[in-house]
Amino acid sequence: MLVAGIDIGGKNVHVILMKDGTILAKGAAPTGINKTEATEQLYDKVLQQAGLRLEDIECVVATGSSGRRVSFAQGVIPEAAADARAVVQLIPSARTIIDVGAEEGRAIKINSEGKVLDFAINEKCAAGTGTFVDTMARALEITMEEMAEASLKSTESIPMNAQCAVFGESEVVSLIHAKTPKHDIARAVHDAIAGRVGSVARIVGLENDVVMIGGVARNTGFVESLKRELATDVIIPNEPDFVGALGAAAAAEAGVVEEKVEARVVERQDYDESSN
């Protein structure tokens, strides 16, 4: 059975074509202003890469914050459901999934069958997302890659209390004026995000093995901060940013075009309560 999984997030879109559990082709691209157009262009490109036509694909399932913009999809499933389906295939021992992308961070508790048992999300606060890292890197006048590398060189733990990108940038500027080394500021940013994400994970209940996915999983500096915050190892699968699309493709193969998952939306008071 030829199927496609499409994951449209706040910053990028990912597409996977799959047949009988084997990935035939995949691709990623920035969403830009017109997410629908970007998705259609990438889908056509990946089809050409595989030597396939639109009519060859038997089922298309989308996921992500803009998944419903895929007009040619047979169904849309929640990000948590897509994550769970993919992760349990990649790492059967996984019981906690931490997914941090451009827009939001989420923690998902799953069982051995890949069923979502609990799910919490921090969409009320940008300080737990990849966008926050991107904004702080610009304030430091370094790239995201340089920020990750710099963070690993730090041995200092500097508290950072900002709860949004605007105040976070102001706090970073203050640290720069205080001549705080950039590598220590980079770690402070990653530690702050890890604290938010860690609080979300504790709300659903942290169980090993812990697997991190999403674009921010490629940030080695953040991964180290998260390990310290959770006091446990964190497994990163290959190509962690493609996991959502893989889960959507797996749902298409299983004939699941609609799935419901109830999320707990985490706000500031939840962070405070979970840290007490």
C-alpha atoms as a PDB file:
ATOM      1  CA  MET A   1       0.000   0.000   0.000  1.00  0.00           C
ATOM      2  CA  LEU A   2       1.416   3.375  -1.027  1.00  0.00           C
ATOM      3  CA  VAL A   3       0.743   6.081   1.555  1.00  0.00           C
ATOM      4  CA  ALA A   4       1.950   9.551   2.512  1.00  0.00           C
ATOM      5  CA  GLY A   5       2.397  11.274   5.862  1.00  0.00           C
ATOM      6  CA  ILE A   6       2.568  15.064   6.007  1.00  0.00           C
ATOM      7  CA  ASP A   7       3.534  17.087   9.091  1.00  0.00           C
ATOM      8  CA  ILE A   8       2.990  20.850   8.846  1.00  0.00           C
ATOM      9  CA  GLY A   9       4.437  22.759  11.792  1.00  0.00           C
ATOM     10  CA  GLY A  10       4.952  26.424  12.502  1.00  0.00           C
ATOM     11  CA  LYS A  11       8.266  26.644  10.655  1.00  0.00           C
ATOM     12  CA  ASN A  12       8.682  23.584   8.420  1.00  0.00           C
ATOM     13  CA  VAL A  13       6.717  20.948   6.555  1.00  0.00           C
ATOM     14  CA  HIS A  14       7.869  17.317   6.325  1.00  0.00           C
ATOM     15  CA  VAL A  15       6.629  14.686   3.884  1.00  0.00           C
ATOM     16  CA  ILE A  16       7.208  10.922   3.892  1.00  0.00           C
ATOM     17  CA  LEU A  17       6.106   8.433   1.219  1.00  0.00           C
ATOM     18  CA  MET A  18       5.912   4.861   2.440  1.00  0.00           C
ATOM     19  CA  LYS A  19       5.024   1.413   1.096  1.00  0.00           C
ATOM     20  CA  ASP A  20       4.475  -1.563   3.407  1.00  0.00           C
ATOM     21  CA  GLY A  21       6.468   0.073   6.195  1.00  0.00           C
ATOM     22  CA  THR A  22       9.408   1.056   3.998  1.00  0.00           C
ATOM     23  CA  ILE A  23      10.160   4.727   3.364  1.00  0.00           C
ATOM     24  CA  LEU A  24      10.423   5.393  -0.371  1.00  0.00           C
ATOM     25  CA  ALA A  25      11.166   9.116  -0.263  1.00  0.00           C
ATOM     26  CA  LYS A  26      11.013  12.058   2.099  1.00  0.00           C
ATOM     27  CA  GLY A  27      11.603  15.781   2.116  1.00  0.00           C
ATOM     28  CA  ALA A  28      11.399  18.936   4.221  1.00  0.00           C
ATOM     29  CA  ALA A  29      10.979  22.617   3.438  1.00  0.00           C
ATOM     30  CA  PRO A  30      10.205  25.894   5.236  1.00  0.00           C
ATOM     31  CA  THR A  31       6.502  26.681   5.354  1.00  0.00           C
ATOM     32  CA  GLY A  32       6.966  30.373   4.678  1.00  0.00           C
ATOM     33  CA  ILE A  33       3.923  32.648   4.558  1.00  0.00           C
ATOM     34  CA  ASN A  34       1.759  30.355   2.409  1.00  0.00           C
ATOM     35  CA  LYS A  35       1.836  27.006   4.176  1.00  0.00           C
ATOM     36  CA  THR A  36      -0.601  25.367   1.765  1.00  0.00           C
ATOM     37  CA  GLU A  37       1.470  26.271  -1.286  1.00  0.00           C
ATOM     38  CA  ALA A  38       4.720  25.208   0.402  1.00  0.00           C
ATOM     39  CA  THR A  39       3.184  21.840   1.299  1.00  0.00           C
ATOM     40  CA  GLU A  40       1.886  21.180  -2.213  1.00  0.00           C
ATOM     41  CA  GLN A  41       5.240  22.095  -3.769  1.00  0.00           C
ATOM     42  CA  LEU A  42       7.159  19.817  -1.410  1.00  0.00           C
ATOM     43  CA  TYR A  43       4.679  16.964  -1.923  1.00  0.00           C
ATOM     44  CA  ASP A  44       5.106  17.207  -5.711  1.00  0.00           C
ATOM     45  CA  LYS A  45       8.882  17.257  -5.303  1.00  0.00           C
ATOM     46  CA  VAL A  46       8.925  14.144  -3.096  1.00  0.00           C
ATOM     47  CA  LEU A  47       6.594  12.333  -5.510  1.00  0.00           C
ATOM     48  CA  GLN A  48       8.975  13.108  -8.369  1.00  0.00           C
ATOM     49  CA  GLN A  49      11.891  11.920  -6.250  1.00  0.00           C
ATOM     50  CA  ALA A  50      10.144   8.554  -5.839  1.00  0.00           C
ATOM     51  CA  GLY A  51       9.037   8.407  -9.460  1.00  0.00           C
ATOM     52  CA  LEU A  52       5.369   8.415  -8.440  1.00  0.00           C
ATOM     53  CA  ARG A  53       2.237  10.286  -9.484  1.00  0.00           C
ATOM     54  CA  LEU A  54      -0.513  11.815  -7.354  1.00  0.00           C
ATOM     55  CA  GLU A  55      -2.927   9.022  -8.259  1.00  0.00           C
ATOM     56  CA  ASP A  56      -0.434   6.353  -7.120  1.00  0.00           C
ATOM     57  CA  ILE A  57      -0.850   7.316  -3.461  1.00  0.00           C
ATOM     58  CA  GLU A  58      -3.721   5.402  -1.868  1.00  0.00           C
ATOM     59  CA  CYS A  59      -4.003   7.350   1.370  1.00  0.00           C
ATOM     60  CA  VAL A  60      -2.643  10.644   2.710  1.00  0.00           C
ATOM     61  CA  VAL A  61      -2.792  11.529   6.410  1.00  0.00           C
ATOM     62  CA  ALA A  62      -1.673  14.897   7.756  1.00  0.00           C
ATOM     63  CA  THR A  63      -0.674  16.096  11.204  1.00  0.00           C
ATOM     64  CA  GLY A  64       0.811  19.206  12.784  1.00  0.00           C
ATOM     65  CA  SER A  65      -0.586  22.579  13.783  1.00  0.00           C
ATOM     66  CA  SER A  66      -1.626  23.286  10.174  1.00  0.00           C
ATOM     67  CA  GLY A  67      -2.488  19.737   9.173  1.00  0.00           C
ATOM     68  CA  ARG A  68      -6.023  20.682   8.194  1.00  0.00           C
ATOM     69  CA  ARG A  69      -4.651  22.853   5.406  1.00  0.00           C
ATOM     70  CA  VAL A  70      -3.808  19.737   3.386  1.00  0.00           C
ATOM     71  CA  SER A  71      -6.872  19.654   1.150  1.00  0.00           C
ATOM     72  CA  PHE A  72      -5.874  16.402  -0.564  1.00  0.00           C
ATOM     73  CA  ALA A  73      -5.449  14.436   2.682  1.00  0.00           C
ATOM     74  CA  GLN A  74      -7.980  11.742   3.589  1.00  0.00           C
ATOM     75  CA  GLY A  75      -7.607  12.578   7.267  1.00  0.00           C
ATOM     76  CA  VAL A  76      -5.814  14.540   9.979  1.00  0.00           C
ATOM     77  CA  ILE A  77      -4.569  13.141  13.278  1.00  0.00           C
ATOM     78  CA  PRO A  78      -3.241  15.024  16.341  1.00  0.00           C
ATOM     79  CA  GLU A  79       0.515  15.493  16.715  1.00  0.00           C
ATOM     80  CA  ALA A  80       0.553  13.395  19.891  1.00  0.00           C
ATOM     81  CA  ALA A  81      -1.070  10.444  18.129  1.00  0.00           C
ATOM     82  CA  ALA A  82       1.357  10.698  15.196  1.00  0.00           C
ATOM     83  CA  ASP A  83       4.333  10.954  17.557  1.00  0.00           C
ATOM     84  CA  ALA A  84       3.216   7.915  19.534  1.00  0.00           C
ATOM     85  CA  ARG A  85       2.679   5.758  16.439  1.00  0.00           C
ATOM     86  CA  ALA A  86       6.126   6.541  15.063  1.00  0.00           C
ATOM     87  CA  VAL A  87       8.148   6.431  18.279  1.00  0.00           C
ATOM     88  CA  VAL A  88       6.824   3.043  19.394  1.00  0.00           C
ATOM     89  CA  GLN A  89       7.973   1.636  16.034  1.00  0.00           C
ATOM     90  CA  LEU A  90      11.400   3.268  16.207  1.00  0.00           C
ATOM     91  CA  ILE A  91      12.044   2.710  19.920  1.00  0.00           C
ATOM     92  CA  PRO A  92       9.653   0.093  21.391  1.00  0.00           C
ATOM     93  CA  SER A  93      10.918   0.724  24.937  1.00  0.00           C
ATOM     94  CA  ALA A  94       9.797   4.382  24.841  1.00  0.00           C
ATOM     95  CA  ARG A  95       7.252   5.400  27.456  1.00  0.00           C
ATOM     96  CA  THR A  96       7.700   9.201  27.502  1.00  0.00           C
ATOM     97  CA  ILE A  97       7.968  11.366  24.393  1.00  0.00           C
ATOM     98  CA  ILE A  98       9.149  14.956  24.494  1.00  0.00           C
ATOM     99  CA  ASP A  99       8.445  16.852  21.285  1.00  0.00           C
ATOM    100  CA  VAL A 100       9.820  20.382  20.976  1.00  0.00           C
ATOM    101  CA  GLY A 101       9.281  22.272  17.748  1.00  0.00           C
ATOM    102  CA  ALA A 102       9.137  25.885  16.636  1.00  0.00           C
ATOM    103  CA  GLU A 103       5.725  26.650  18.147  1.00  0.00           C
ATOM    104  CA  GLU A 104       5.298  24.491  21.203  1.00  0.00           C
ATOM    105  CA  GLY A 105       6.669  21.804  23.458  1.00  0.00           C
ATOM    106  CA  ARG A 106       4.697  18.734  24.492  1.00  0.00           C
ATOM    107  CA  ALA A 107       5.135  15.669  26.664  1.00  0.00           C
ATOM    108  CA  ILE A 108       3.349  12.429  25.887  1.00  0.00           C
ATOM    109  CA  LYS A 109       3.033   9.288  27.990  1.00  0.00           C
ATOM    110  CA  ILE A 110       2.494   6.138  25.918  1.00  0.00           C
ATOM    111  CA  ASN A 111       2.150   2.412  26.506  1.00  0.00           C
ATOM    112  CA  SER A 112       3.881  -0.485  24.746  1.00  0.00           C
ATOM    113  CA  GLU A 113       1.292  -0.403  21.949  1.00  0.00           C
ATOM    114  CA  GLY A 114       1.859   3.261  21.162  1.00  0.00           C
ATOM    115  CA  LYS A 115      -1.407   4.402  22.729  1.00  0.00           C
ATOM    116  CA  VAL A 116      -1.402   7.906  24.219  1.00  0.00           C
ATOM    117  CA  LEU A 117      -2.091   7.641  27.955  1.00  0.00           C
ATOM    118  CA  ASP A 118      -1.587  11.311  28.800  1.00  0.00           C
ATOM    119  CA  PHE A 119      -0.540  14.419  26.943  1.00  0.00           C
ATOM    120  CA  ALA A 120       0.342  17.962  28.056  1.00  0.00           C
ATOM    121  CA  ILE A 121       1.352  20.965  25.992  1.00  0.00           C
ATOM    122  CA  ASN A 122       2.850  24.358  26.799  1.00  0.00           C
ATOM    123  CA  GLU A 123       1.325  26.336  23.938  1.00  0.00           C
ATOM    124  CA  LYS A 124       0.520  29.215  26.316  1.00  0.00           C
ATOM    125  CA  CYS A 125       4.216  30.049  26.677  1.00  0.00           C
ATOM    126  CA  ALA A 126       6.753  30.551  23.873  1.00  0.00           C
ATOM    127  CA  ALA A 127       9.640  30.091  26.308  1.00  0.00           C
ATOM    128  CA  GLY A 128       9.421  26.343  25.841  1.00  0.00           C
ATOM    129  CA  THR A 129       9.846  26.291  22.066  1.00  0.00           C
ATOM    130  CA  GLY A 130      12.358  26.418  19.253  1.00  0.00           C
ATOM    131  CA  THR A 131      11.246  29.953  18.358  1.00  0.00           C
ATOM    132  CA  PHE A 132      12.540  31.109  21.742  1.00  0.00           C
ATOM    133  CA  VAL A 133      15.973  29.607  20.996  1.00  0.00           C
ATOM    134  CA  ASP A 134      16.008  31.226  17.572  1.00  0.00           C
ATOM    135  CA  THR A 135      15.160  34.643  19.025  1.00  0.00           C
ATOM    136  CA  MET A 136      17.840  34.373  21.706  1.00  0.00           C
ATOM    137  CA  ALA A 137      20.455  33.283  19.149  1.00  0.00           C
ATOM    138  CA  ARG A 138      19.722  36.415  17.128  1.00  0.00           C
ATOM    139  CA  ALA A 139      20.115  38.519  20.269  1.00  0.00           C
ATOM    140  CA  LEU A 140      23.532  36.916  20.800  1.00  0.00           C
ATOM    141  CA  GLU A 141      24.360  37.479  17.103  1.00  0.00           C
ATOM    142  CA  ILE A 142      25.240  33.824  16.560  1.00  0.00           C
ATOM    143  CA  THR A 143      23.681  30.981  14.584  1.00  0.00           C
ATOM    144  CA  MET A 144      21.609  28.228  16.165  1.00  0.00           C
ATOM    145  CA  GLU A 145      24.460  25.782  15.533  1.00  0.00           C
ATOM    146  CA  GLU A 146      26.967  28.093  17.205  1.00  0.00           C
ATOM    147  CA  MET A 147      24.616  28.523  20.150  1.00  0.00           C
ATOM    148  CA  ALA A 148      24.365  24.763  20.645  1.00  0.00           C
ATOM    149  CA  GLU A 149      28.153  24.390  20.540  1.00  0.00           C
ATOM    150  CA  ALA A 150      28.694  27.339  22.871  1.00  0.00           C
ATOM    151  CA  SER A 151      26.240  25.977  25.417  1.00  0.00           C
ATOM    152  CA  LEU A 152      28.248  22.746  25.728  1.00  0.00           C
ATOM    153  CA  LYS A 153      31.335  24.737  26.776  1.00  0.00           C
ATOM    154  CA  SER A 154      29.628  26.342  29.761  1.00  0.00           C
ATOM    155  CA  THR A 155      30.149  25.175  33.330  1.00  0.00           C
ATOM    156  CA  GLU A 156      28.049  27.941  34.896  1.00  0.00           C
ATOM    157  CA  SER A 157      24.355  27.767  35.727  1.00  0.00           C
ATOM    158  CA  ILE A 158      22.774  31.217  35.346  1.00  0.00           C
ATOM    159  CA  PRO A 159      19.052  31.518  36.117  1.00  0.00           C
ATOM    160  CA  MET A 160      16.858  33.025  33.422  1.00  0.00           C
ATOM    161  CA  ASN A 161      13.339  33.951  34.475  1.00  0.00           C
ATOM    162  CA  ALA A 162      11.753  35.382  31.324  1.00  0.00           C
ATOM    163  CA  GLN A 163       8.475  33.764  30.305  1.00  0.00           C
ATOM    164  CA  CYS A 164       8.283  35.087  26.749  1.00  0.00           C
ATOM    165  CA  ALA A 165      10.579  35.882  23.837  1.00  0.00           C
ATOM    166  CA  VAL A 166      10.292  39.665  24.313  1.00  0.00           C
ATOM    167  CA  PHE A 167      11.373  39.674  27.959  1.00  0.00           C
ATOM    168  CA  GLY A 168      13.850  36.880  27.277  1.00  0.00           C
ATOM    169  CA  GLU A 169      15.624  38.983  24.671  1.00  0.00           C
ATOM    170  CA  SER A 170      15.777  41.890  27.120  1.00  0.00           C
ATOM    171  CA  GLU A 171      17.297  39.583  29.741  1.00  0.00           C
ATOM    172  CA  VAL A 172      19.896  38.319  27.273  1.00  0.00           C
ATOM    173  CA  VAL A 173      20.845  41.896  26.360  1.00  0.00           C
ATOM    174  CA  SER A 174      21.288  42.670  30.069  1.00  0.00           C
ATOM    175  CA  LEU A 175      23.581  39.654  30.448  1.00  0.00           C
ATOM    176  CA  ILE A 176      25.604  40.786  27.428  1.00  0.00           C
ATOM    177  CA  HIS A 177      26.007  44.275  28.918  1.00  0.00           C
ATOM    178  CA  ALA A 178      27.140  42.633  32.152  1.00  0.00           C
ATOM    179  CA  LYS A 179      29.898  40.977  30.045  1.00  0.00           C
ATOM    180  CA  THR A 180      28.583  37.487  30.730  1.00  0.00           C
ATOM    181  CA  PRO A 181      30.329  35.045  28.345  1.00  0.00           C
ATOM    182  CA  LYS A 182      28.162  34.028  25.403  1.00  0.00           C
ATOM    183  CA  HIS A 183      28.563  30.335  26.165  1.00  0.00           C
ATOM    184  CA  ASP A 184      27.112  30.869  29.651  1.00  0.00           C
ATOM    185  CA  ILE A 185      24.187  32.848  28.224  1.00  0.00           C
ATOM    186  CA  ALA A 186      23.587  30.105  25.656  1.00  0.00           C
ATOM    187  CA  ARG A 187      23.409  27.506  28.403  1.00  0.00           C
ATOM    188  CA  ALA A 188      21.086  29.753  30.441  1.00  0.00           C
ATOM    189  CA  VAL A 189      18.678  29.917  27.485  1.00  0.00           C
ATOM    190  CA  HIS A 190      18.730  26.147  27.014  1.00  0.00           C
ATOM    191  CA  ASP A 191      18.374  25.541  30.747  1.00  0.00           C
ATOM    192  CA  ALA A 192      15.345  27.851  30.867  1.00  0.00           C
ATOM    193  CA  ILE A 193      13.599  25.970  28.064  1.00  0.00           C
ATOM    194  CA  ALA A 194      14.555  22.621  29.602  1.00  0.00           C
ATOM    195  CA  GLY A 195      12.959  23.769  32.858  1.00  0.00           C
ATOM    196  CA  ARG A 196       9.663  24.553  31.100  1.00  0.00           C
ATOM    197  CA  VAL A 197       9.675  21.307  29.127  1.00  0.00           C
ATOM    198  CA  GLY A 198      10.700  19.309  32.186  1.00  0.00           C
ATOM    199  CA  SER A 199       7.740  20.708  34.125  1.00  0.00           C
ATOM    200  CA  VAL A 200       5.370  19.621  31.354  1.00  0.00           C
ATOM    201  CA  ALA A 201       6.920  16.139  31.374  1.00  0.00           C
ATOM    202  CA  ARG A 202       6.459  15.821  35.132  1.00  0.00           C
ATOM    203  CA  ILE A 203       2.806  16.787  34.837  1.00  0.00           C
ATOM    204  CA  VAL A 204       2.083  13.739  32.643  1.00  0.00           C
ATOM    205  CA  GLY A 205       4.491  11.584  34.656  1.00  0.00           C
ATOM    206  CA  LEU A 206       8.067  10.870  33.602  1.00  0.00           C
ATOM    207  CA  GLU A 207       8.772   7.226  32.735  1.00  0.00           C
ATOM    208  CA  ASN A 208      11.774   5.685  30.967  1.00  0.00           C
ATOM    209  CA  ASP A 209      12.677   5.352  28.237  1.00  0.00           C
ATOM    210  CA  VAL A 210      12.480   9.052  27.424  1.00  0.00           C
ATOM    211  CA  VAL A 211      12.636   9.907  23.733  1.00  0.00           C
ATOM    212  CA  MET A 212      13.003  13.428  22.375  1.00  0.00           C
ATOM    213  CA  ILE A 213      11.815  14.364  18.883  1.00  0.00           C
ATOM    214  CA  GLY A 214      11.102  17.528  16.903  1.00  0.00           C
ATOM    215  CA  GLY A 215      13.459  20.030  15.337  1.00  0.00           C
ATOM    216  CA  VAL A 216      14.939  21.152  18.658  1.00  0.00           C
ATOM    217  CA  ALA A 217      16.154  17.569  19.249  1.00  0.00           C
ATOM    218  CA  ARG A 218      18.952  18.422  16.785  1.00  0.00           C
ATOM    219  CA  ASN A 219      20.206  21.071  19.228  1.00  0.00           C
ATOM    220  CA  THR A 220      22.850  19.217  21.255  1.00  0.00           C
ATOM    221  CA  GLY A 221      23.132  22.058  23.758  1.00  0.00           C
ATOM    222  CA  PHE A 222      19.454  21.858  24.609  1.00  0.00           C
ATOM    223  CA  VAL A 223      19.526  18.064  24.799  1.00  0.00           C
ATOM    224  CA  GLU A 224      22.263  18.250  27.440  1.00  0.00           C
ATOM    225  CA  SER A 225      20.252  20.817  29.415  1.00  0.00           C
ATOM    226  CA  LEU A 226      17.199  18.565  29.254  1.00  0.00           C
ATOM    227  CA  LYS A 227      19.176  15.584  30.501  1.00  0.00           C
ATOM    228  CA  ARG A 228      20.336  17.600  33.494  1.00  0.00           C
ATOM    229  CA  GLU A 229      16.802  18.858  34.152  1.00  0.00           C
ATOM    230  CA  LEU A 230      15.224  15.386  34.011  1.00  0.00           C
ATOM    231  CA  ALA A 231      18.199  13.614  35.644  1.00  0.00           C
ATOM    232  CA  THR A 232      17.897  10.830  33.091  1.00  0.00           C
ATOM    233  CA  ASP A 233      19.172   9.888  29.670  1.00  0.00           C
ATOM    234  CA  VAL A 234      17.265  11.074  26.606  1.00  0.00           C
ATOM    235  CA  ILE A 235      17.170   9.023  23.407  1.00  0.00           C
ATOM    236  CA  ILE A 236      17.245  10.895  20.104  1.00  0.00           C
ATOM    237  CA  PRO A 237      16.117   8.880  17.051  1.00  0.00           C
ATOM    238  CA  ASN A 238      17.630   9.474  13.632  1.00  0.00           C
ATOM    239  CA  GLU A 239      16.021  12.446  11.905  1.00  0.00           C
ATOM    240  CA  PRO A 240      13.886  13.424  14.910  1.00  0.00           C
ATOM    241  CA  ASP A 241      12.117  16.167  12.931  1.00  0.00           C
ATOM    242  CA  PHE A 242      10.588  13.583  10.552  1.00  0.00           C
ATOM    243  CA  VAL A 243       8.900  11.568  13.324  1.00  0.00           C
ATOM    244  CA  GLY A 244       5.540  13.338  13.027  1.00  0.00           C
ATOM    245  CA  ALA A 245       5.351  12.688   9.280  1.00  0.00           C
ATOM    246  CA  LEU A 246       6.350   9.076   9.868  1.00  0.00           C
ATOM    247  CA  GLY A 247       3.549   8.668  12.387  1.00  0.00           C
ATOM    248  CA  ALA A 248       1.044  10.155   9.957  1.00  0.00           C
ATOM    249  CA  ALA A 249       2.215   7.714   7.264  1.00  0.00           C
ATOM    250  CA  ALA A 250       1.913   4.827   9.732  1.00  0.00           C
ATOM    251  CA  ALA A 251      -1.653   5.901  10.495  1.00  0.00           C
ATOM    252  CA  ALA A 252      -2.416   5.959   6.763  1.00  0.00           C
ATOM    253  CA  GLU A 253      -1.110   2.395   6.407  1.00  0.00           C
ATOM    254  CA  ALA A 254      -3.263   1.315   9.340  1.00  0.00           C
ATOM    255  CA  GLY A 255      -6.302   2.953   7.763  1.00  0.00           C
ATOM    256  CA  VAL A 256      -6.624   5.479  10.599  1.00  0.00           C
ATOM    257  CA  VAL A 257      -7.612   8.852   9.165  1.00  0.00           C
ATOM    258  CA  GLU A 258      -9.027  10.356  12.341  1.00  0.00           C
ATOM    259  CA  GLU A 259      -7.883  10.024  15.935  1.00  0.00           C
ATOM    260  CA  LYS A 260      -8.718  11.967  19.082  1.00  0.00           C
ATOM    261  CA  VAL A 261      -6.311  12.797  21.877  1.00  0.00           C
ATOM    262  CA  GLU A 262      -7.215  15.070  24.776  1.00  0.00           C
ATOM    263  CA  ALA A 263      -4.424  17.439  25.832  1.00  0.00           C
ATOM    264  CA  ARG A 264      -3.804  19.280  29.063  1.00  0.00           C
ATOM    265  CA  VAL A 265      -2.763  22.839  28.221  1.00  0.00           C
ATOM    266  CA  VAL A 266      -0.037  23.957  30.619  1.00  0.00           C
ATOM    267  CA  GLU A 267       0.104  27.562  31.783  1.00  0.00           C
ATOM    268  CA  ARG A 268       2.472  29.530  34.002  1.00  0.00           C
ATOM    269  CA  GLN A 269       0.874  28.462  37.274  1.00  0.00           C
ATOM    270  CA  ASP A 270       1.322  24.821  36.232  1.00  0.00           C
ATOM    271  CA  TYR A 271       5.077  25.383  35.855  1.00  0.00           C
ATOM    272  CA  ASP A 272       5.247  26.925  39.298  1.00  0.00           C
ATOM    273  CA  GLU A 273       3.175  24.195  40.941  1.00  0.00           C
ATOM    274  CA  SER A 274       5.114  21.359  39.302  1.00  0.00           C
ATOM    275  CA  SER A 275       8.434  22.738  40.525  1.00  0.00           C
ATOM    276  CA  ASN A 276       7.354  22.870  44.164  1.00  0.00           C
END
